[in-house]
Amino acid sequence: MNDKSILQHITELVDEEHKLRDGAAGNDARLKQVEVELDQCWDLLRQRRAKREFGENPDNATPRDPGTVENYEG
């Protein structure tokens, strides 16, 4: 996955998140799933950018599990 495809996926998830927030109740599980996936995408994009900045191969960045991304304290 390259930066452009990650950003496109983020855009799609944000659009879905907005629709879920504007829609009827009962979408809580899917909304939470979308939020977690967004966090994972942003984290992966940040990893890729950091690797590129420090001369490493951005393709070596890997998505982190939801527990790691959701509980990160920076």
Protein backbone atom coordinates (compact mmCIF):
# COMPACT_ATOMS: atom_id res chain seq x y z
CA MET A 1 0.00 0.00 0.00
CA ASN A 2 1.45 3.39 -0.94
CA ASP A 3 0.76 6.80 0.58
CA LYS A 4 -1.76 7.72 -2.09
CA SER A 5 -3.84 4.57 -1.58
CA ILE A 6 -3.70 5.00 2.21
CA LEU A 7 -4.93 8.60 1.87
CA GLN A 8 -7.70 7.48 -0.48
CA HIS A 9 -8.78 4.82 2.03
CA ILE A 10 -8.73 7.45 4.80
CA THR A 11 -11.00 9.68 2.69
CA GLU A 12 -13.42 6.80 2.14
CA LEU A 13 -13.47 5.97 5.85
CA VAL A 14 -14.04 9.63 6.81
CA ASP A 15 -16.96 9.80 4.38
CA GLU A 16 -18.42 6.63 5.90
CA GLU A 17 -17.85 7.96 9.41
CA HIS A 18 -19.79 11.14 8.57
CA LYS A 19 -22.66 9.12 7.10
CA LEU A 20 -22.77 6.90 10.18
CA ARG A 21 -22.77 9.88 12.52
CA ASP A 22 -25.57 11.56 10.54
CA GLY A 23 -27.59 8.36 10.19
CA ALA A 24 -29.91 6.47 12.44
CA ALA A 25 -28.86 5.03 15.76
CA GLY A 26 -27.69 1.46 15.92
CA ASN A 27 -24.49 1.94 13.94
CA ASP A 28 -22.28 2.12 17.02
CA ALA A 29 -20.34 -1.08 16.30
CA ARG A 30 -19.55 -0.08 12.71
CA LEU A 31 -18.70 3.47 13.77
CA LYS A 32 -16.20 2.15 16.32
CA GLN A 33 -14.71 -0.15 13.68
CA VAL A 34 -14.32 2.76 11.25
CA GLU A 35 -12.68 4.92 13.95
CA VAL A 36 -10.17 2.17 14.77
CA GLU A 37 -9.40 1.58 11.10
CA LEU A 38 -8.86 5.33 10.62
CA ASP A 39 -6.41 5.38 13.51
CA GLN A 40 -4.55 2.43 11.99
CA CYS A 41 -4.36 4.14 8.59
CA TRP A 42 -3.07 7.40 10.05
CA ASP A 43 -0.51 5.46 12.09
CA LEU A 44 0.67 3.56 9.02
CA LEU A 45 0.97 6.80 7.05
CA ARG A 46 3.01 8.39 9.86
CA GLN A 47 5.28 5.32 9.97
CA ARG A 48 5.83 5.49 6.21
CA ARG A 49 6.65 9.20 6.33
CA ALA A 50 9.07 8.71 9.24
CA LYS A 51 10.86 5.88 7.47
CA ARG A 52 11.20 7.97 4.32
CA GLU A 53 12.50 10.95 6.33
CA PHE A 54 15.22 8.83 7.91
CA GLY A 55 16.30 7.13 4.69
CA GLU A 56 14.51 3.85 5.28
CA ASN A 57 12.17 2.03 2.94
CA PRO A 58 8.57 3.17 3.63
CA ASP A 59 7.30 -0.15 2.26
CA ASN A 60 8.70 -1.79 5.40
CA ALA A 61 6.07 -0.02 7.53
CA THR A 62 3.36 -2.37 8.72
CA PRO A 63 -0.09 -1.75 10.17
CA ARG A 64 -0.18 -2.08 13.93
CA ASP A 65 -2.89 -3.97 15.75
CA PRO A 66 -5.87 -2.01 17.10
CA GLY A 67 -4.75 -2.46 20.72
CA THR A 68 -1.44 -0.78 20.04
CA VAL A 69 -2.91 2.08 18.00
CA GLU A 70 -5.84 2.74 20.33
CA ASN A 71 -3.79 2.67 23.53
CA TYR A 72 -0.83 4.71 22.31
CA GLU A 73 0.23 7.45 24.66
CA GLY A 74 2.74 9.75 23.01
